[in-house]
Amino acid sequence: MDCLIPCKDKGIMNFLGKIINIEDFHANRELGIYKNHKVVFTNGCFDILHSGHVLYLNEARQLGTFLIVGLNSNSSVKRLKGHKRPINPEVDRAIVLAGLASVDAVVIFDEETPYELIAQIQPDVLVKGGDWDVSQIVGYDIVMKKKGVVRSLMFKEGMSTTSIIDKILYEN
């Protein structure tokens, strides 16, 4: 499996191998890499990583044995959050996520929702943060059809990228 980022020193930067594309995922599945794993999937922009994200990803990882994070691409974030976002480009956001011990794989997707990615991955557990009703989580139907689990994890009040940006812009 090749890195999406050029990796000269595999010893120091081997975590970058966690950044995969969907073809890598399918190849790994064919090799049986996920066979004995309970695969958890979540997604988001993760534009400015903060403690709320880290707590959420750790909690998500505890629901299974392999956590895949679908990461919104730059163009997807712009469509969702506006022309001034993302603050950090997708490659940088992917590297930060891949550096977390709780994250086993990062897959960048370009759509506004991860529905097609979820359909391809077929996770055992689908997780979203915040106050989402589980039946409203994108991919709910896919995971429930295979008798999986869909969970909405507790939102960490006051911890958001938007509140960090607002604090930088307006409270200094």
N, C-alpha and C. Protein backbone atom coordinates (compact mmCIF):
# COMPACT_ATOMS: atom_id res chain seq x y z
N MET A 1 0.85 -1.17 0.00
CA MET A 1 0.00 0.00 0.00
C MET A 1 0.90 1.23 0.00
N ASP A 2 0.69 2.12 -0.95
CA ASP A 2 1.48 3.34 -1.07
C ASP A 2 0.84 4.47 -0.29
N CYS A 3 1.70 5.37 0.19
CA CYS A 3 1.21 6.58 0.84
C CYS A 3 0.67 7.53 -0.22
N LEU A 4 -0.31 8.33 0.12
CA LEU A 4 -0.73 9.41 -0.76
C LEU A 4 0.26 10.56 -0.68
N ILE A 5 1.06 10.58 0.38
CA ILE A 5 2.08 11.59 0.60
C ILE A 5 3.43 10.92 0.35
N PRO A 6 4.36 11.59 -0.35
CA PRO A 6 5.68 10.97 -0.54
C PRO A 6 6.36 10.69 0.81
N CYS A 7 6.78 9.46 1.04
CA CYS A 7 7.38 9.06 2.31
C CYS A 7 8.80 8.57 2.04
N LYS A 8 9.79 9.37 2.42
CA LYS A 8 11.17 8.96 2.18
C LYS A 8 11.67 8.04 3.28
N ASP A 9 11.32 8.33 4.51
CA ASP A 9 11.81 7.54 5.63
C ASP A 9 10.65 6.78 6.23
N LYS A 10 10.47 5.54 5.81
CA LYS A 10 9.34 4.75 6.28
C LYS A 10 9.40 4.51 7.79
N GLY A 11 10.59 4.51 8.37
CA GLY A 11 10.73 4.28 9.80
C GLY A 11 10.14 5.41 10.62
N ILE A 12 10.37 6.63 10.21
CA ILE A 12 9.88 7.79 10.96
C ILE A 12 8.44 8.12 10.59
N MET A 13 8.09 7.96 9.33
CA MET A 13 6.79 8.43 8.86
C MET A 13 5.87 7.30 8.43
N ASN A 14 6.02 6.11 9.03
CA ASN A 14 5.21 4.99 8.60
C ASN A 14 3.71 5.18 8.89
N PHE A 15 3.35 6.07 9.81
CA PHE A 15 1.94 6.31 10.08
C PHE A 15 1.24 6.92 8.87
N LEU A 16 2.00 7.50 7.93
CA LEU A 16 1.38 8.07 6.74
C LEU A 16 0.77 6.98 5.86
N GLY A 17 1.17 5.73 6.06
CA GLY A 17 0.56 4.62 5.36
C GLY A 17 -0.89 4.42 5.75
N LYS A 18 -1.33 5.08 6.81
CA LYS A 18 -2.74 5.03 7.22
C LYS A 18 -3.62 5.83 6.26
N ILE A 19 -3.02 6.73 5.48
CA ILE A 19 -3.79 7.54 4.54
C ILE A 19 -3.91 6.72 3.25
N ILE A 20 -5.12 6.21 3.04
CA ILE A 20 -5.33 5.31 1.91
C ILE A 20 -6.45 5.84 1.02
N ASN A 21 -6.55 5.28 -0.16
CA ASN A 21 -7.70 5.59 -1.01
C ASN A 21 -8.61 4.37 -1.02
N ILE A 22 -9.74 4.48 -1.66
CA ILE A 22 -10.72 3.39 -1.62
C ILE A 22 -10.19 2.13 -2.32
N GLU A 23 -9.33 2.31 -3.31
CA GLU A 23 -8.74 1.15 -3.98
C GLU A 23 -7.84 0.38 -3.02
N ASP A 24 -7.08 1.10 -2.20
CA ASP A 24 -6.25 0.45 -1.17
C ASP A 24 -7.13 -0.32 -0.20
N PHE A 25 -8.26 0.28 0.19
CA PHE A 25 -9.18 -0.38 1.11
C PHE A 25 -9.65 -1.70 0.51
N HIS A 26 -10.08 -1.66 -0.75
CA HIS A 26 -10.55 -2.89 -1.40
C HIS A 26 -9.45 -3.94 -1.51
N ALA A 27 -8.23 -3.49 -1.83
CA ALA A 27 -7.10 -4.43 -1.91
C ALA A 27 -6.83 -5.07 -0.54
N ASN A 28 -6.88 -4.26 0.51
CA ASN A 28 -6.68 -4.77 1.86
C ASN A 28 -7.78 -5.76 2.24
N ARG A 29 -9.01 -5.47 1.82
CA ARG A 29 -10.13 -6.37 2.10
C ARG A 29 -9.89 -7.71 1.40
N GLU A 30 -9.44 -7.66 0.15
CA GLU A 30 -9.15 -8.89 -0.61
C GLU A 30 -8.06 -9.71 0.08
N LEU A 31 -7.12 -9.03 0.71
CA LEU A 31 -6.03 -9.71 1.43
C LEU A 31 -6.49 -10.23 2.79
N GLY A 32 -7.70 -9.89 3.19
CA GLY A 32 -8.24 -10.35 4.46
C GLY A 32 -7.80 -9.54 5.66
N ILE A 33 -7.27 -8.35 5.42
CA ILE A 33 -6.75 -7.52 6.52
C ILE A 33 -7.85 -7.14 7.51
N TYR A 34 -9.07 -6.94 7.06
CA TYR A 34 -10.15 -6.50 7.95
C TYR A 34 -10.99 -7.67 8.46
N LYS A 35 -10.64 -8.88 8.05
CA LYS A 35 -11.47 -10.06 8.32
C LYS A 35 -11.79 -10.25 9.80
N ASN A 36 -10.82 -10.11 10.66
CA ASN A 36 -11.04 -10.33 12.09
C ASN A 36 -11.24 -9.03 12.86
N HIS A 37 -11.62 -7.99 12.16
CA HIS A 37 -11.83 -6.69 12.80
C HIS A 37 -13.29 -6.30 12.81
N LYS A 38 -13.65 -5.57 13.84
CA LYS A 38 -14.95 -4.90 13.90
C LYS A 38 -14.66 -3.48 13.42
N VAL A 39 -15.05 -3.19 12.17
CA VAL A 39 -14.70 -1.93 11.52
C VAL A 39 -15.69 -0.83 11.92
N VAL A 40 -15.14 0.27 12.42
CA VAL A 40 -15.91 1.45 12.80
C VAL A 40 -15.62 2.53 11.77
N PHE A 41 -16.65 3.24 11.34
CA PHE A 41 -16.48 4.33 10.38
C PHE A 41 -17.07 5.60 10.96
N THR A 42 -16.35 6.69 10.79
CA THR A 42 -16.88 8.02 11.07
C THR A 42 -16.33 8.95 10.01
N ASN A 43 -16.83 10.16 10.00
CA ASN A 43 -16.36 11.12 8.99
C ASN A 43 -16.46 12.54 9.51
N GLY A 44 -15.80 13.43 8.80
CA GLY A 44 -15.88 14.84 9.14
C GLY A 44 -14.84 15.65 8.40
N CYS A 45 -14.87 16.95 8.67
CA CYS A 45 -13.91 17.88 8.05
C CYS A 45 -12.61 17.93 8.83
N PHE A 46 -12.69 17.88 10.14
CA PHE A 46 -11.52 17.91 11.03
C PHE A 46 -10.55 19.01 10.60
N ASP A 47 -11.10 20.21 10.42
CA ASP A 47 -10.33 21.32 9.86
C ASP A 47 -9.26 21.83 10.81
N ILE A 48 -9.62 22.10 12.04
CA ILE A 48 -8.64 22.45 13.07
C ILE A 48 -8.85 21.43 14.17
N LEU A 49 -7.97 20.47 14.26
CA LEU A 49 -8.14 19.38 15.23
C LEU A 49 -8.06 19.94 16.65
N HIS A 50 -9.04 19.58 17.48
CA HIS A 50 -9.09 20.06 18.85
C HIS A 50 -9.44 18.90 19.78
N SER A 51 -9.46 19.18 21.07
CA SER A 51 -9.67 18.12 22.06
C SER A 51 -11.01 17.41 21.88
N GLY A 52 -12.03 18.11 21.45
CA GLY A 52 -13.33 17.47 21.19
C GLY A 52 -13.21 16.39 20.13
N HIS A 53 -12.44 16.68 19.06
CA HIS A 53 -12.20 15.68 18.02
C HIS A 53 -11.46 14.47 18.58
N VAL A 54 -10.42 14.72 19.35
CA VAL A 54 -9.60 13.63 19.88
C VAL A 54 -10.42 12.74 20.81
N LEU A 55 -11.20 13.36 21.69
CA LEU A 55 -12.05 12.58 22.60
C LEU A 55 -13.07 11.76 21.81
N TYR A 56 -13.67 12.38 20.81
CA TYR A 56 -14.66 11.72 19.97
C TYR A 56 -14.05 10.53 19.22
N LEU A 57 -12.88 10.72 18.61
CA LEU A 57 -12.25 9.64 17.86
C LEU A 57 -11.81 8.50 18.77
N ASN A 58 -11.36 8.81 19.96
CA ASN A 58 -11.02 7.76 20.92
C ASN A 58 -12.26 6.97 21.33
N GLU A 59 -13.36 7.67 21.56
CA GLU A 59 -14.60 6.99 21.93
C GLU A 59 -15.10 6.12 20.77
N ALA A 60 -15.00 6.64 19.55
CA ALA A 60 -15.42 5.87 18.37
C ALA A 60 -14.58 4.60 18.23
N ARG A 61 -13.28 4.72 18.43
CA ARG A 61 -12.37 3.57 18.29
C ARG A 61 -12.70 2.47 19.29
N GLN A 62 -13.18 2.85 20.46
CA GLN A 62 -13.52 1.87 21.49
C GLN A 62 -14.74 1.02 21.12
N LEU A 63 -15.47 1.41 20.08
CA LEU A 63 -16.64 0.66 19.65
C LEU A 63 -16.29 -0.49 18.70
N GLY A 64 -15.01 -0.61 18.36
CA GLY A 64 -14.58 -1.67 17.45
C GLY A 64 -13.09 -1.90 17.56
N THR A 65 -12.53 -2.52 16.52
CA THR A 65 -11.10 -2.83 16.53
C THR A 65 -10.34 -2.16 15.39
N PHE A 66 -11.03 -1.43 14.51
CA PHE A 66 -10.38 -0.76 13.39
C PHE A 66 -11.21 0.46 13.03
N LEU A 67 -10.65 1.67 13.22
CA LEU A 67 -11.36 2.91 12.96
C LEU A 67 -10.92 3.52 11.63
N ILE A 68 -11.89 3.69 10.74
CA ILE A 68 -11.66 4.38 9.46
C ILE A 68 -12.33 5.74 9.53
N VAL A 69 -11.58 6.79 9.22
CA VAL A 69 -12.13 8.15 9.20
C VAL A 69 -12.25 8.60 7.75
N GLY A 70 -13.47 8.90 7.34
CA GLY A 70 -13.71 9.54 6.04
C GLY A 70 -13.48 11.03 6.21
N LEU A 71 -12.55 11.57 5.44
CA LEU A 71 -12.18 12.98 5.57
C LEU A 71 -12.68 13.76 4.36
N ASN A 72 -13.49 14.79 4.62
CA ASN A 72 -13.97 15.64 3.52
C ASN A 72 -12.80 16.31 2.81
N SER A 73 -12.80 16.26 1.48
CA SER A 73 -11.77 16.91 0.68
C SER A 73 -11.91 18.43 0.80
N ASN A 74 -10.91 19.14 0.28
CA ASN A 74 -10.96 20.60 0.30
C ASN A 74 -12.23 21.13 -0.36
N SER A 75 -12.54 20.63 -1.55
CA SER A 75 -13.72 21.13 -2.26
C SER A 75 -15.01 20.77 -1.53
N SER A 76 -15.05 19.61 -0.91
CA SER A 76 -16.23 19.21 -0.14
C SER A 76 -16.42 20.14 1.06
N VAL A 77 -15.33 20.47 1.76
CA VAL A 77 -15.42 21.38 2.91
C VAL A 77 -15.92 22.75 2.46
N LYS A 78 -15.41 23.25 1.34
CA LYS A 78 -15.85 24.54 0.82
C LYS A 78 -17.36 24.55 0.57
N ARG A 79 -17.86 23.48 -0.02
CA ARG A 79 -19.29 23.40 -0.30
C ARG A 79 -20.11 23.36 0.99
N LEU A 80 -19.58 22.70 2.01
CA LEU A 80 -20.31 22.56 3.27
C LEU A 80 -20.17 23.76 4.20
N LYS A 81 -18.97 24.33 4.26
CA LYS A 81 -18.66 25.33 5.28
C LYS A 81 -18.48 26.75 4.73
N GLY A 82 -18.38 26.90 3.42
CA GLY A 82 -18.20 28.23 2.84
C GLY A 82 -16.82 28.41 2.24
N HIS A 83 -16.68 29.50 1.48
CA HIS A 83 -15.47 29.73 0.69
C HIS A 83 -14.21 29.98 1.51
N LYS A 84 -14.34 30.33 2.79
CA LYS A 84 -13.14 30.59 3.61
C LYS A 84 -12.60 29.33 4.27
N ARG A 85 -13.24 28.22 4.06
CA ARG A 85 -12.82 26.95 4.65
C ARG A 85 -12.45 25.99 3.54
N PRO A 86 -11.59 25.05 3.76
CA PRO A 86 -10.97 24.74 5.04
C PRO A 86 -9.81 25.68 5.36
N ILE A 87 -9.48 25.74 6.61
CA ILE A 87 -8.31 26.49 7.06
C ILE A 87 -7.06 25.69 6.67
N ASN A 88 -7.08 24.41 6.94
CA ASN A 88 -5.96 23.52 6.63
C ASN A 88 -6.31 22.64 5.43
N PRO A 89 -5.37 22.46 4.49
CA PRO A 89 -5.65 21.63 3.32
C PRO A 89 -5.81 20.15 3.69
N GLU A 90 -6.47 19.40 2.82
CA GLU A 90 -6.80 18.00 3.10
C GLU A 90 -5.59 17.15 3.43
N VAL A 91 -4.47 17.38 2.77
CA VAL A 91 -3.28 16.56 3.06
C VAL A 91 -2.82 16.79 4.49
N ASP A 92 -2.80 18.04 4.94
CA ASP A 92 -2.40 18.34 6.31
C ASP A 92 -3.39 17.75 7.31
N ARG A 93 -4.68 17.87 7.02
CA ARG A 93 -5.69 17.31 7.92
C ARG A 93 -5.58 15.79 7.99
N ALA A 94 -5.30 15.16 6.85
CA ALA A 94 -5.13 13.71 6.82
C ALA A 94 -3.91 13.27 7.62
N ILE A 95 -2.82 14.01 7.52
CA ILE A 95 -1.60 13.68 8.27
C ILE A 95 -1.86 13.76 9.77
N VAL A 96 -2.53 14.82 10.21
CA VAL A 96 -2.82 14.98 11.64
C VAL A 96 -3.68 13.83 12.13
N LEU A 97 -4.72 13.48 11.39
CA LEU A 97 -5.58 12.36 11.79
C LEU A 97 -4.80 11.04 11.81
N ALA A 98 -3.97 10.82 10.79
CA ALA A 98 -3.20 9.57 10.71
C ALA A 98 -2.21 9.46 11.88
N GLY A 99 -1.81 10.58 12.44
CA GLY A 99 -0.88 10.58 13.56
C GLY A 99 -1.52 10.20 14.89
N LEU A 100 -2.84 10.09 14.92
CA LEU A 100 -3.54 9.72 16.15
C LEU A 100 -3.56 8.21 16.32
N ALA A 101 -3.27 7.75 17.52
CA ALA A 101 -3.26 6.31 17.80
C ALA A 101 -4.63 5.67 17.59
N SER A 102 -5.69 6.41 17.82
CA SER A 102 -7.05 5.85 17.71
C SER A 102 -7.47 5.61 16.26
N VAL A 103 -6.81 6.26 15.31
CA VAL A 103 -7.20 6.19 13.90
C VAL A 103 -6.35 5.15 13.18
N ASP A 104 -7.03 4.20 12.52
CA ASP A 104 -6.33 3.15 11.78
C ASP A 104 -6.21 3.45 10.30
N ALA A 105 -7.13 4.22 9.74
CA ALA A 105 -7.08 4.58 8.32
C ALA A 105 -7.85 5.87 8.10
N VAL A 106 -7.36 6.64 7.11
CA VAL A 106 -8.01 7.88 6.69
C VAL A 106 -8.24 7.79 5.19
N VAL A 107 -9.49 8.02 4.77
CA VAL A 107 -9.84 8.02 3.36
C VAL A 107 -10.47 9.36 3.03
N ILE A 108 -9.87 10.09 2.09
CA ILE A 108 -10.41 11.39 1.68
C ILE A 108 -11.52 11.15 0.65
N PHE A 109 -12.65 11.84 0.84
CA PHE A 109 -13.74 11.74 -0.13
C PHE A 109 -14.19 13.13 -0.57
N ASP A 110 -14.71 13.23 -1.79
CA ASP A 110 -15.02 14.52 -2.39
C ASP A 110 -16.49 14.90 -2.35
N GLU A 111 -17.35 13.96 -2.03
CA GLU A 111 -18.77 14.25 -2.01
C GLU A 111 -19.14 15.02 -0.74
N GLU A 112 -20.34 15.59 -0.73
CA GLU A 112 -20.78 16.32 0.46
C GLU A 112 -21.11 15.38 1.61
N THR A 113 -21.52 14.16 1.29
CA THR A 113 -21.77 13.17 2.32
C THR A 113 -20.93 11.93 2.02
N PRO A 114 -20.68 11.12 3.03
CA PRO A 114 -19.88 9.91 2.81
C PRO A 114 -20.71 8.68 2.40
N TYR A 115 -21.91 8.90 1.90
CA TYR A 115 -22.82 7.78 1.63
C TYR A 115 -22.18 6.71 0.74
N GLU A 116 -21.61 7.11 -0.38
CA GLU A 116 -21.00 6.15 -1.30
C GLU A 116 -19.79 5.46 -0.67
N LEU A 117 -19.03 6.20 0.12
CA LEU A 117 -17.88 5.62 0.81
C LEU A 117 -18.33 4.57 1.82
N ILE A 118 -19.38 4.88 2.56
CA ILE A 118 -19.93 3.92 3.52
C ILE A 118 -20.44 2.68 2.80
N ALA A 119 -21.08 2.88 1.65
CA ALA A 119 -21.59 1.75 0.86
C ALA A 119 -20.44 0.83 0.43
N GLN A 120 -19.30 1.41 0.11
CA GLN A 120 -18.16 0.60 -0.31
C GLN A 120 -17.45 -0.07 0.87
N ILE A 121 -17.33 0.65 1.98
CA ILE A 121 -16.61 0.11 3.14
C ILE A 121 -17.45 -0.92 3.89
N GLN A 122 -18.77 -0.70 3.99
CA GLN A 122 -19.65 -1.61 4.70
C GLN A 122 -19.19 -1.81 6.16
N PRO A 123 -19.08 -0.72 6.93
CA PRO A 123 -18.59 -0.86 8.31
C PRO A 123 -19.57 -1.64 9.20
N ASP A 124 -19.02 -2.18 10.27
CA ASP A 124 -19.85 -2.86 11.27
C ASP A 124 -20.50 -1.85 12.20
N VAL A 125 -19.82 -0.73 12.40
CA VAL A 125 -20.31 0.32 13.29
C VAL A 125 -20.16 1.66 12.56
N LEU A 126 -21.21 2.45 12.58
CA LEU A 126 -21.20 3.79 12.01
C LEU A 126 -21.41 4.77 13.14
N VAL A 127 -20.54 5.78 13.22
CA VAL A 127 -20.57 6.71 14.35
C VAL A 127 -20.57 8.14 13.83
N LYS A 128 -21.33 8.98 14.49
CA LYS A 128 -21.30 10.41 14.21
C LYS A 128 -21.35 11.13 15.55
N GLY A 129 -20.72 12.28 15.61
CA GLY A 129 -20.73 13.06 16.84
C GLY A 129 -21.84 14.07 16.83
N GLY A 130 -22.22 14.52 18.00
CA GLY A 130 -23.22 15.56 18.10
C GLY A 130 -24.57 15.03 18.53
N ASP A 131 -25.57 15.82 18.25
CA ASP A 131 -26.91 15.46 18.71
C ASP A 131 -27.75 14.86 17.58
N TRP A 132 -27.11 14.13 16.70
CA TRP A 132 -27.81 13.48 15.60
C TRP A 132 -28.73 12.37 16.11
N ASP A 133 -29.93 12.31 15.61
CA ASP A 133 -30.77 11.14 15.81
C ASP A 133 -30.15 10.06 14.91
N VAL A 134 -29.94 8.86 15.44
CA VAL A 134 -29.21 7.84 14.69
C VAL A 134 -29.86 7.54 13.33
N SER A 135 -31.17 7.61 13.24
CA SER A 135 -31.83 7.33 11.96
C SER A 135 -31.55 8.40 10.92
N GLN A 136 -31.02 9.55 11.33
CA GLN A 136 -30.71 10.65 10.42
C GLN A 136 -29.23 10.65 9.99
N ILE A 137 -28.44 9.76 10.54
CA ILE A 137 -27.02 9.70 10.20
C ILE A 137 -26.87 9.11 8.80
N VAL A 138 -26.12 9.80 7.96
CA VAL A 138 -25.89 9.34 6.58
C VAL A 138 -25.26 7.95 6.62
N GLY A 139 -25.87 7.02 5.92
CA GLY A 139 -25.39 5.64 5.88
C GLY A 139 -26.10 4.71 6.84
N TYR A 140 -27.03 5.25 7.62
CA TYR A 140 -27.79 4.45 8.58
C TYR A 140 -28.40 3.22 7.92
N ASP A 141 -29.03 3.42 6.77
CA ASP A 141 -29.70 2.32 6.09
C ASP A 141 -28.73 1.23 5.66
N ILE A 142 -27.55 1.61 5.23
CA ILE A 142 -26.53 0.65 4.79
C ILE A 142 -26.09 -0.23 5.94
N VAL A 143 -25.76 0.40 7.06
CA VAL A 143 -25.24 -0.34 8.22
C VAL A 143 -26.33 -1.18 8.87
N MET A 144 -27.53 -0.65 8.96
CA MET A 144 -28.62 -1.42 9.58
C MET A 144 -29.00 -2.62 8.72
N LYS A 145 -28.91 -2.49 7.40
CA LYS A 145 -29.23 -3.61 6.49
C LYS A 145 -28.33 -4.80 6.75
N LYS A 146 -27.07 -4.52 7.12
CA LYS A 146 -26.14 -5.62 7.42
C LYS A 146 -26.12 -5.97 8.91
N LYS A 147 -27.13 -5.47 9.63
CA LYS A 147 -27.29 -5.73 11.06
C LYS A 147 -26.13 -5.18 11.89
N GLY A 148 -25.63 -4.02 11.46
CA GLY A 148 -24.58 -3.34 12.19
C GLY A 148 -25.15 -2.41 13.24
N VAL A 149 -24.29 -1.55 13.77
CA VAL A 149 -24.65 -0.63 14.85
C VAL A 149 -24.42 0.80 14.38
N VAL A 150 -25.36 1.68 14.66
CA VAL A 150 -25.21 3.11 14.37
C VAL A 150 -25.33 3.84 15.69
N ARG A 151 -24.34 4.70 15.97
CA ARG A 151 -24.31 5.41 17.25
C ARG A 151 -24.07 6.90 17.02
N SER A 152 -24.70 7.69 17.85
CA SER A 152 -24.44 9.12 17.92
C SER A 152 -23.75 9.37 19.25
N LEU A 153 -22.50 9.81 19.19
CA LEU A 153 -21.73 10.03 20.41
C LEU A 153 -21.97 11.44 20.93
N MET A 154 -21.79 11.60 22.21
CA MET A 154 -22.09 12.87 22.87
C MET A 154 -21.25 14.00 22.29
N PHE A 155 -21.91 15.11 22.04
CA PHE A 155 -21.27 16.33 21.57
C PHE A 155 -20.57 16.99 22.75
N LYS A 156 -19.34 17.40 22.55
CA LYS A 156 -18.57 18.08 23.59
C LYS A 156 -18.86 19.58 23.49
N GLU A 157 -19.67 20.08 24.39
CA GLU A 157 -20.13 21.48 24.37
C GLU A 157 -18.96 22.45 24.36
N GLY A 158 -19.04 23.44 23.48
CA GLY A 158 -18.04 24.49 23.41
C GLY A 158 -16.78 24.10 22.66
N MET A 159 -16.72 22.88 22.15
CA MET A 159 -15.53 22.43 21.41
C MET A 159 -15.90 22.27 19.95
N SER A 160 -15.57 23.30 19.15
CA SER A 160 -15.83 23.21 17.72
C SER A 160 -14.81 24.05 16.97
N THR A 161 -14.58 23.68 15.72
CA THR A 161 -13.66 24.45 14.89
C THR A 161 -14.19 25.87 14.72
N THR A 162 -15.49 26.00 14.52
CA THR A 162 -16.08 27.33 14.34
C THR A 162 -15.85 28.21 15.57
N SER A 163 -16.00 27.65 16.78
CA SER A 163 -15.77 28.45 17.99
C SER A 163 -14.30 28.84 18.12
N ILE A 164 -13.39 27.99 17.68
CA ILE A 164 -11.96 28.33 17.71
C ILE A 164 -11.68 29.47 16.74
N ILE A 165 -12.23 29.38 15.54
CA ILE A 165 -12.04 30.45 14.54
C ILE A 165 -12.62 31.75 15.06
N ASP A 166 -13.82 31.70 15.63
CA ASP A 166 -14.44 32.91 16.18
C ASP A 166 -13.60 33.51 17.29
N LYS A 167 -13.04 32.67 18.13
CA LYS A 167 -12.20 33.16 19.23
C LYS A 167 -10.96 33.87 18.67
N ILE A 168 -10.35 33.29 17.67
CA ILE A 168 -9.16 33.91 17.05
C ILE A 168 -9.52 35.25 16.43
N LEU A 169 -10.62 35.28 15.71
CA LEU A 169 -10.99 36.50 14.97
C LEU A 169 -11.57 37.60 15.83
N TYR A 170 -12.35 37.22 16.85
CA TYR A 170 -13.14 38.24 17.54
C TYR A 170 -12.79 38.48 19.00
N GLU A 171 -12.01 37.62 19.61
CA GLU A 171 -11.73 37.80 21.03
C GLU A 171 -10.31 38.27 21.31
N ASN A 172 -9.58 38.58 20.31
CA ASN A 172 -8.18 39.04 20.53
C ASN A 172 -8.05 40.51 20.27
